[in-house]
Amino acid sequence: MTNQEIRQLAVWLKENHLAGAELRRPGMHLVLKRSSDAVAVVVPQPVKAADKPLLKTPGLGRLLLTHPDQTEALVAVGSQVAQGQLVAFLQIGDLLLPVRSQQAGRVAAVLTPCGTTVGYGEAFMRLDAA
């Protein structure tokens, strides 16, 4: 899909007052979401590696911060996290893959809402050093 085709989809979203669109093709998954006035493109601000450790997604899928059979989040802001602790799940179809913390620390922020479709290497949680 070209940039011009993506721009055209954004125009159609706005013209038809749609909140978003999700397209899947072999080798491609595109999610467009718009705010009330324009298509929203969120570009995260870079964080220096020395500032705050980031937990990143291990692949493509839907990020779940709680198990689908439970209502309580695996970790919350302010929680202490041990290295190797389960902090999220990556849902790919019916498969749930565990996402574990690569380092110990305290959860400073959850950067990605539960249920969001994520790509490989996206930061979803920030830790304060242990």
N, C-alpha and C. Protein backbone atom coordinates (compact mmCIF):
# COMPACT_ATOMS: atom_id res chain seq x y z
N MET A 1 0.85 -1.17 0.00
CA MET A 1 0.00 0.00 0.00
C MET A 1 0.90 1.24 0.00
N THR A 2 0.59 2.17 -0.86
CA THR A 2 1.42 3.37 -0.99
C THR A 2 0.97 4.45 0.00
N ASN A 3 1.82 5.44 0.19
CA ASN A 3 1.46 6.57 1.06
C ASN A 3 0.25 7.31 0.50
N GLN A 4 0.16 7.41 -0.82
CA GLN A 4 -0.97 8.10 -1.44
C GLN A 4 -2.28 7.36 -1.14
N GLU A 5 -2.26 6.03 -1.17
CA GLU A 5 -3.46 5.26 -0.84
C GLU A 5 -3.85 5.43 0.63
N ILE A 6 -2.86 5.49 1.50
CA ILE A 6 -3.14 5.70 2.93
C ILE A 6 -3.74 7.09 3.14
N ARG A 7 -3.20 8.10 2.46
CA ARG A 7 -3.77 9.45 2.56
C ARG A 7 -5.22 9.47 2.08
N GLN A 8 -5.50 8.76 0.99
CA GLN A 8 -6.87 8.71 0.46
C GLN A 8 -7.80 8.05 1.48
N LEU A 9 -7.35 7.00 2.15
CA LEU A 9 -8.17 6.37 3.20
C LEU A 9 -8.46 7.35 4.33
N ALA A 10 -7.45 8.15 4.69
CA ALA A 10 -7.64 9.14 5.75
C ALA A 10 -8.70 10.17 5.34
N VAL A 11 -8.68 10.58 4.09
CA VAL A 11 -9.68 11.53 3.59
C VAL A 11 -11.07 10.91 3.66
N TRP A 12 -11.19 9.65 3.23
CA TRP A 12 -12.49 8.98 3.28
C TRP A 12 -13.00 8.83 4.71
N LEU A 13 -12.11 8.58 5.67
CA LEU A 13 -12.52 8.50 7.08
C LEU A 13 -13.14 9.83 7.51
N LYS A 14 -12.46 10.92 7.16
CA LYS A 14 -12.93 12.24 7.56
C LYS A 14 -14.26 12.57 6.88
N GLU A 15 -14.36 12.32 5.57
CA GLU A 15 -15.56 12.66 4.82
C GLU A 15 -16.78 11.87 5.30
N ASN A 16 -16.57 10.65 5.76
CA ASN A 16 -17.67 9.80 6.17
C ASN A 16 -17.84 9.73 7.69
N HIS A 17 -17.09 10.60 8.39
CA HIS A 17 -17.20 10.70 9.85
C HIS A 17 -17.00 9.35 10.54
N LEU A 18 -16.02 8.60 10.06
CA LEU A 18 -15.70 7.31 10.65
C LEU A 18 -14.58 7.47 11.67
N ALA A 19 -14.61 6.66 12.71
CA ALA A 19 -13.62 6.76 13.77
C ALA A 19 -12.30 6.08 13.39
N GLY A 20 -12.36 5.10 12.49
CA GLY A 20 -11.14 4.43 12.12
C GLY A 20 -11.38 3.32 11.12
N ALA A 21 -10.29 2.72 10.71
CA ALA A 21 -10.35 1.61 9.77
C ALA A 21 -9.17 0.69 10.04
N GLU A 22 -9.39 -0.59 9.79
CA GLU A 22 -8.33 -1.58 9.94
C GLU A 22 -8.32 -2.45 8.69
N LEU A 23 -7.18 -2.54 8.05
CA LEU A 23 -7.04 -3.32 6.83
C LEU A 23 -5.98 -4.39 7.04
N ARG A 24 -6.30 -5.59 6.58
CA ARG A 24 -5.34 -6.69 6.64
C ARG A 24 -5.21 -7.32 5.26
N ARG A 25 -3.98 -7.46 4.86
CA ARG A 25 -3.63 -8.18 3.64
C ARG A 25 -2.44 -9.05 3.99
N PRO A 26 -2.16 -10.07 3.21
CA PRO A 26 -0.96 -10.86 3.49
C PRO A 26 0.28 -9.96 3.53
N GLY A 27 0.97 -10.01 4.64
CA GLY A 27 2.18 -9.20 4.80
C GLY A 27 1.94 -7.76 5.18
N MET A 28 0.68 -7.36 5.44
CA MET A 28 0.39 -5.97 5.76
C MET A 28 -0.79 -5.89 6.73
N HIS A 29 -0.67 -5.03 7.71
CA HIS A 29 -1.75 -4.75 8.66
C HIS A 29 -1.70 -3.25 8.93
N LEU A 30 -2.78 -2.55 8.56
CA LEU A 30 -2.83 -1.10 8.70
C LEU A 30 -4.00 -0.72 9.58
N VAL A 31 -3.75 0.12 10.59
CA VAL A 31 -4.80 0.62 11.46
C VAL A 31 -4.76 2.14 11.40
N LEU A 32 -5.87 2.77 11.02
CA LEU A 32 -5.99 4.23 11.00
C LEU A 32 -7.07 4.62 12.00
N LYS A 33 -6.76 5.58 12.84
CA LYS A 33 -7.74 6.10 13.79
C LYS A 33 -7.74 7.60 13.66
N ARG A 34 -8.91 8.21 13.80
CA ARG A 34 -8.97 9.66 13.66
C ARG A 34 -9.57 10.28 14.90
N SER A 35 -9.14 11.51 15.16
CA SER A 35 -9.74 12.30 16.23
C SER A 35 -10.97 12.97 15.64
N SER A 36 -11.56 13.90 16.36
CA SER A 36 -12.78 14.54 15.87
C SER A 36 -12.56 15.38 14.61
N ASP A 37 -11.36 15.94 14.40
CA ASP A 37 -11.14 16.82 13.26
C ASP A 37 -10.25 16.22 12.17
N ALA A 38 -9.29 15.37 12.54
CA ALA A 38 -8.35 14.89 11.54
C ALA A 38 -7.85 13.51 11.94
N VAL A 39 -7.23 12.85 11.03
CA VAL A 39 -6.65 11.55 11.33
C VAL A 39 -5.51 11.76 12.32
N ALA A 40 -5.55 11.03 13.39
CA ALA A 40 -4.53 11.18 14.42
C ALA A 40 -3.36 10.25 14.13
N VAL A 41 -2.19 10.82 14.06
CA VAL A 41 -0.97 10.06 13.92
C VAL A 41 -0.15 10.37 15.16
N VAL A 42 0.06 9.38 15.98
CA VAL A 42 0.79 9.59 17.22
C VAL A 42 2.23 9.16 17.00
N VAL A 43 3.13 10.09 17.20
CA VAL A 43 4.55 9.80 17.07
C VAL A 43 5.15 9.93 18.46
N PRO A 44 5.57 8.80 19.06
CA PRO A 44 6.12 8.90 20.40
C PRO A 44 7.42 9.68 20.40
N GLN A 45 7.60 10.47 21.44
CA GLN A 45 8.83 11.23 21.58
C GLN A 45 9.95 10.28 22.00
N PRO A 46 11.11 10.39 21.40
CA PRO A 46 12.19 9.49 21.76
C PRO A 46 12.62 9.70 23.21
N VAL A 47 12.89 8.62 23.88
CA VAL A 47 13.37 8.67 25.26
C VAL A 47 14.78 8.10 25.25
N LYS A 48 15.70 8.82 25.82
CA LYS A 48 17.07 8.35 25.87
C LYS A 48 17.14 7.06 26.69
N ALA A 49 17.92 6.13 26.22
CA ALA A 49 18.02 4.83 26.89
C ALA A 49 18.47 4.99 28.34
N ALA A 50 19.29 5.97 28.61
CA ALA A 50 19.80 6.15 29.97
C ALA A 50 18.74 6.75 30.90
N ASP A 51 17.71 7.42 30.33
CA ASP A 51 16.71 8.07 31.16
C ASP A 51 15.82 7.07 31.88
N LYS A 52 15.06 6.30 31.13
CA LYS A 52 14.11 5.36 31.72
C LYS A 52 14.11 4.08 30.89
N PRO A 53 14.21 2.92 31.55
CA PRO A 53 14.12 1.67 30.81
C PRO A 53 12.71 1.49 30.24
N LEU A 54 12.64 1.00 29.00
CA LEU A 54 11.36 0.76 28.34
C LEU A 54 11.17 -0.72 28.11
N LEU A 55 9.95 -1.19 28.33
CA LEU A 55 9.60 -2.55 27.95
C LEU A 55 8.98 -2.47 26.56
N LYS A 56 9.43 -3.35 25.66
CA LYS A 56 8.99 -3.29 24.27
C LYS A 56 8.32 -4.60 23.86
N THR A 57 7.44 -4.50 22.89
CA THR A 57 6.71 -5.67 22.42
C THR A 57 7.62 -6.59 21.63
N PRO A 58 7.44 -7.91 21.79
CA PRO A 58 8.30 -8.87 21.09
C PRO A 58 7.83 -9.22 19.68
N GLY A 59 6.70 -8.66 19.26
CA GLY A 59 6.20 -8.98 17.92
C GLY A 59 4.93 -8.23 17.61
N LEU A 60 4.27 -8.64 16.52
CA LEU A 60 3.01 -8.04 16.10
C LEU A 60 1.86 -8.74 16.80
N GLY A 61 0.84 -7.98 17.16
CA GLY A 61 -0.34 -8.57 17.78
C GLY A 61 -1.11 -7.54 18.56
N ARG A 62 -1.99 -8.03 19.40
CA ARG A 62 -2.83 -7.19 20.24
C ARG A 62 -2.29 -7.28 21.66
N LEU A 63 -1.89 -6.14 22.22
CA LEU A 63 -1.30 -6.10 23.55
C LEU A 63 -2.39 -6.17 24.61
N LEU A 64 -2.27 -7.15 25.50
CA LEU A 64 -3.23 -7.30 26.60
C LEU A 64 -2.47 -7.13 27.91
N LEU A 65 -2.94 -6.23 28.75
CA LEU A 65 -2.30 -5.99 30.04
C LEU A 65 -2.96 -6.80 31.15
N THR A 66 -3.95 -7.59 30.79
CA THR A 66 -4.64 -8.48 31.70
C THR A 66 -4.96 -9.76 30.94
N HIS A 67 -5.09 -10.85 31.64
CA HIS A 67 -5.49 -12.09 30.99
C HIS A 67 -6.97 -11.97 30.59
N PRO A 68 -7.38 -12.49 29.44
CA PRO A 68 -8.76 -12.34 28.98
C PRO A 68 -9.81 -12.90 29.96
N ASP A 69 -9.40 -13.85 30.80
CA ASP A 69 -10.34 -14.43 31.78
C ASP A 69 -10.35 -13.69 33.11
N GLN A 70 -9.54 -12.63 33.24
CA GLN A 70 -9.45 -11.89 34.50
C GLN A 70 -9.66 -10.41 34.24
N THR A 71 -10.01 -9.70 35.30
CA THR A 71 -10.24 -8.26 35.16
C THR A 71 -9.07 -7.44 35.72
N GLU A 72 -8.27 -8.03 36.56
CA GLU A 72 -7.17 -7.30 37.20
C GLU A 72 -5.93 -7.29 36.31
N ALA A 73 -5.32 -6.11 36.16
CA ALA A 73 -4.11 -5.96 35.35
C ALA A 73 -2.96 -6.76 35.97
N LEU A 74 -2.08 -7.25 35.14
CA LEU A 74 -0.93 -8.01 35.62
C LEU A 74 0.00 -7.14 36.46
N VAL A 75 0.22 -5.91 36.03
CA VAL A 75 0.99 -4.92 36.80
C VAL A 75 0.33 -3.56 36.62
N ALA A 76 0.54 -2.69 37.58
CA ALA A 76 -0.03 -1.34 37.52
C ALA A 76 1.07 -0.32 37.79
N VAL A 77 0.78 0.92 37.48
CA VAL A 77 1.75 1.99 37.76
C VAL A 77 2.06 1.97 39.25
N GLY A 78 3.34 1.98 39.56
CA GLY A 78 3.80 1.92 40.95
C GLY A 78 4.19 0.53 41.41
N SER A 79 3.83 -0.49 40.65
CA SER A 79 4.16 -1.87 41.01
C SER A 79 5.65 -2.14 40.82
N GLN A 80 6.21 -2.95 41.70
CA GLN A 80 7.58 -3.42 41.52
C GLN A 80 7.53 -4.61 40.56
N VAL A 81 8.48 -4.64 39.63
CA VAL A 81 8.54 -5.70 38.64
C VAL A 81 9.91 -6.35 38.73
N ALA A 82 9.92 -7.68 38.79
CA ALA A 82 11.18 -8.42 38.80
C ALA A 82 11.57 -8.79 37.38
N GLN A 83 12.85 -8.99 37.16
CA GLN A 83 13.30 -9.44 35.84
C GLN A 83 12.66 -10.80 35.56
N GLY A 84 12.06 -10.95 34.39
CA GLY A 84 11.41 -12.19 34.01
C GLY A 84 9.95 -12.29 34.42
N GLN A 85 9.44 -11.29 35.12
CA GLN A 85 8.04 -11.31 35.57
C GLN A 85 7.09 -11.09 34.40
N LEU A 86 5.97 -11.79 34.41
CA LEU A 86 4.93 -11.63 33.39
C LEU A 86 4.27 -10.26 33.56
N VAL A 87 4.30 -9.44 32.49
CA VAL A 87 3.73 -8.09 32.57
C VAL A 87 2.60 -7.87 31.57
N ALA A 88 2.51 -8.73 30.55
CA ALA A 88 1.48 -8.55 29.52
C ALA A 88 1.39 -9.83 28.69
N PHE A 89 0.40 -9.83 27.79
CA PHE A 89 0.26 -10.89 26.80
C PHE A 89 0.20 -10.26 25.43
N LEU A 90 0.70 -10.96 24.44
CA LEU A 90 0.58 -10.54 23.05
C LEU A 90 -0.36 -11.55 22.40
N GLN A 91 -1.54 -11.08 21.99
CA GLN A 91 -2.53 -11.96 21.38
C GLN A 91 -2.37 -11.94 19.87
N ILE A 92 -2.17 -13.13 19.31
CA ILE A 92 -2.07 -13.30 17.87
C ILE A 92 -3.12 -14.35 17.50
N GLY A 93 -4.25 -13.89 16.98
CA GLY A 93 -5.37 -14.80 16.74
C GLY A 93 -5.86 -15.33 18.08
N ASP A 94 -5.90 -16.65 18.23
CA ASP A 94 -6.32 -17.26 19.49
C ASP A 94 -5.15 -17.52 20.43
N LEU A 95 -3.95 -17.28 19.95
CA LEU A 95 -2.74 -17.56 20.72
C LEU A 95 -2.39 -16.39 21.64
N LEU A 96 -2.07 -16.70 22.90
CA LEU A 96 -1.60 -15.69 23.85
C LEU A 96 -0.14 -15.98 24.17
N LEU A 97 0.74 -15.03 23.82
CA LEU A 97 2.16 -15.17 24.12
C LEU A 97 2.50 -14.34 25.34
N PRO A 98 3.22 -14.89 26.31
CA PRO A 98 3.60 -14.11 27.49
C PRO A 98 4.65 -13.06 27.13
N VAL A 99 4.52 -11.89 27.73
CA VAL A 99 5.52 -10.83 27.58
C VAL A 99 6.10 -10.61 28.98
N ARG A 100 7.39 -10.82 29.09
CA ARG A 100 8.05 -10.73 30.40
C ARG A 100 8.99 -9.53 30.44
N SER A 101 9.17 -8.99 31.63
CA SER A 101 10.06 -7.85 31.81
C SER A 101 11.50 -8.31 31.64
N GLN A 102 12.27 -7.55 30.90
CA GLN A 102 13.68 -7.86 30.69
C GLN A 102 14.56 -7.31 31.80
N GLN A 103 13.95 -6.50 32.69
CA GLN A 103 14.73 -5.92 33.78
C GLN A 103 13.82 -5.65 34.97
N ALA A 104 14.44 -5.47 36.11
CA ALA A 104 13.70 -5.17 37.32
C ALA A 104 13.49 -3.66 37.43
N GLY A 105 12.44 -3.26 38.10
CA GLY A 105 12.18 -1.84 38.31
C GLY A 105 10.77 -1.61 38.82
N ARG A 106 10.39 -0.35 38.89
CA ARG A 106 9.05 0.05 39.30
C ARG A 106 8.35 0.61 38.08
N VAL A 107 7.09 0.21 37.86
CA VAL A 107 6.35 0.68 36.68
C VAL A 107 6.09 2.18 36.83
N ALA A 108 6.68 2.98 35.94
CA ALA A 108 6.51 4.43 35.98
C ALA A 108 5.33 4.86 35.13
N ALA A 109 5.09 4.17 34.00
CA ALA A 109 3.99 4.55 33.11
C ALA A 109 3.65 3.38 32.20
N VAL A 110 2.37 3.28 31.89
CA VAL A 110 1.89 2.36 30.88
C VAL A 110 1.63 3.21 29.65
N LEU A 111 2.37 2.96 28.58
CA LEU A 111 2.35 3.81 27.40
C LEU A 111 1.32 3.39 26.35
N THR A 112 0.83 2.16 26.43
CA THR A 112 -0.08 1.63 25.42
C THR A 112 -1.31 1.06 26.11
N PRO A 113 -2.51 1.49 25.74
CA PRO A 113 -3.73 0.96 26.36
C PRO A 113 -3.92 -0.53 26.05
N CYS A 114 -4.55 -1.22 26.96
CA CYS A 114 -4.86 -2.63 26.78
C CYS A 114 -5.74 -2.82 25.55
N GLY A 115 -5.42 -3.82 24.73
CA GLY A 115 -6.21 -4.10 23.54
C GLY A 115 -5.71 -3.43 22.28
N THR A 116 -4.65 -2.63 22.39
CA THR A 116 -4.11 -1.92 21.23
C THR A 116 -3.32 -2.87 20.34
N THR A 117 -3.48 -2.73 19.04
CA THR A 117 -2.67 -3.49 18.09
C THR A 117 -1.30 -2.85 18.03
N VAL A 118 -0.27 -3.67 18.23
CA VAL A 118 1.10 -3.15 18.30
C VAL A 118 1.98 -3.86 17.28
N GLY A 119 3.09 -3.22 16.97
CA GLY A 119 4.09 -3.80 16.08
C GLY A 119 5.29 -4.27 16.88
N TYR A 120 6.25 -4.82 16.18
CA TYR A 120 7.46 -5.30 16.81
C TYR A 120 8.27 -4.14 17.40
N GLY A 121 8.72 -4.29 18.63
CA GLY A 121 9.61 -3.34 19.26
C GLY A 121 8.98 -2.06 19.74
N GLU A 122 7.65 -2.00 19.85
CA GLU A 122 6.99 -0.79 20.35
C GLU A 122 7.08 -0.74 21.87
N ALA A 123 7.46 0.42 22.39
CA ALA A 123 7.52 0.60 23.84
C ALA A 123 6.10 0.66 24.38
N PHE A 124 5.81 -0.18 25.39
CA PHE A 124 4.46 -0.18 25.95
C PHE A 124 4.46 0.14 27.45
N MET A 125 5.63 0.10 28.09
CA MET A 125 5.68 0.39 29.52
C MET A 125 7.04 0.99 29.84
N ARG A 126 7.06 1.97 30.75
CA ARG A 126 8.32 2.59 31.19
C ARG A 126 8.56 2.22 32.64
N LEU A 127 9.79 1.88 32.95
CA LEU A 127 10.17 1.51 34.31
C LEU A 127 11.11 2.54 34.91
N ASP A 128 11.03 2.72 36.21
CA ASP A 128 12.07 3.43 36.95
C ASP A 128 13.05 2.36 37.40
N ALA A 129 14.31 2.67 37.43
CA ALA A 129 15.33 1.70 37.84
C ALA A 129 15.02 1.18 39.24
N ALA A 130 15.37 -0.09 39.44
CA ALA A 130 15.09 -0.73 40.74
C ALA A 130 15.93 -0.16 41.84
